[in-house]
Amino acid sequence: MLQIRGLVREFDRVRSQLRDGIPPEEVDVFRKRVIAVVHLVEDMCRRHATSPDRLPLPSRAAYRFLKDLDLTNLPLAPSGSTTSAQTIRLRNILAVERHLAEKMWVQLPLLLESSRAAAQVKSEIARNASTIEAMCSRSGVGTWMLQLPSRRVYCWLKFLADQDNLDLHLHALQRARGALADVEPQVISPSRLLLIHMQALWSRQPHTTLLLVKASEGFVGAGEAVWGALLRGAAATPGRADDELVREFVHSDDFSEILVEIEGFAEPPAESKRGRVHSLDDSFDRVNHAYFADSIPRPLLKWNRILTGRKFGHYRQSRDTVMLSVSLDDGRVPSYVVDFVMYHELLHKKHGALLVNGRRLVHTPAFRAEERLFTNYEDAQRHLDALAQGGGLSPGVPQGGKARNRRGH
């Protein structure tokens, strides 16, 4: 499948400019750039004997957004303003991340046994997050304007500043240690694992005295079997079964749920709840009336600014926020599919989450039973499964095959 690097980033840039307004003197340049990007995508597809409709979902959605953009009716900013957003880079922020990640790994037994020691680490994490927020405030920018490495660390700190999330993190390290006990004879001993917010799934850095493994915070919900597979891969002895086990977890709701939650800590100001095609307010009203007898208090409704290929919704309990992926804001996505994702997220608001043995359980049997009460359950499942697999967007999704859980979390 053709990958077009930078297309989703261009989508983010254009949406940011549209939100802020285009200075009149920059409108012509803006139009030409959008047209040029669209033509570039179409030309690359022709040269690779494919079409934009066969691109991976995030790229396909980004192309469609740019292609369908009404360039004759752009939101304008006051004359003399600029769309050049100020971003800031924080010095030594990666050193802070490494210090805390190493501290949690090295002191893990103490942190699991002593609530006081765990509280001190939590306080240190929260203090660093507050420092970043203060620096952004002094610079007159929001945390979403941090440069990418700094923003990732800030979001990671905010995630771990929540006690439940810190507990999840520590228990994930405990499971990884258990898996490492079986793997370590095959690798440099001792080994050290840093569980952080990173773009890659994992990386390895062999040193003379130890093997340093870095893994995405998305693995925080992984069981010991997945950790064993990942660590064997880091030891340069991966097998096909290990690769498949890690890949299956990476494609799961548990993995993507964590990443979406972490990224949400540095969100730009809320955009309109009415998308180009679908309205979140309208969807909430329909679902709340049909399935909850109008009993669910309205949460904050937002379009997730991240184009997603597998995860289409998220409910953040701490902020009572339902976010739906802008991938769904497409004319070829039926409104009942949007309503199904909304319904799924409102069920999370209703049922909450359970913490059992350091694992977060959200899709309980009671949750699943109520989810199946959605009128168009099977059709919506098939449609979302087709989207997740890069299929077409038309309502006539092929029958056959069990639909996977792709709604969101």
Foldseek 3Di string as FASTA:
>chain_A
DDDDPPLLVVLLLVVLCLQQFAAPVCLVVSLVVLVVVLVVQQVVQVVVVHGLLQYFLSNSLSSVCSVPDDSVDGGHDYHPDDSPDDEDEDPCLVVVLVVLQQCCLVCLVVCVVDVVVVVVSLVVLVVVLVVVQVVCVVVVHALLRYPDVNSQSSLFSVQCNDPLSVLLQSLLSVLLVVLCVVVVVLAQPPETEGEGADPDQKAWDDDPRYIYIYGYVLCSQPGSLLSNLVVCVNSVNHDPVSVVSVVVSCLDLSSVQVNLSSSVVRDDPADAQADPARHPVVLCVVLCVPQVVVPQPDFAEGERSRADQFAAWYADQVRRYIYGHCSCRDPLADSLLVSLLVNLRVLCVVPPWDQDSSHIHRCDPVSVVSSVVRPCNQLSLQQSQCSNVSHGSHSCRDDDDDRDPRSHD
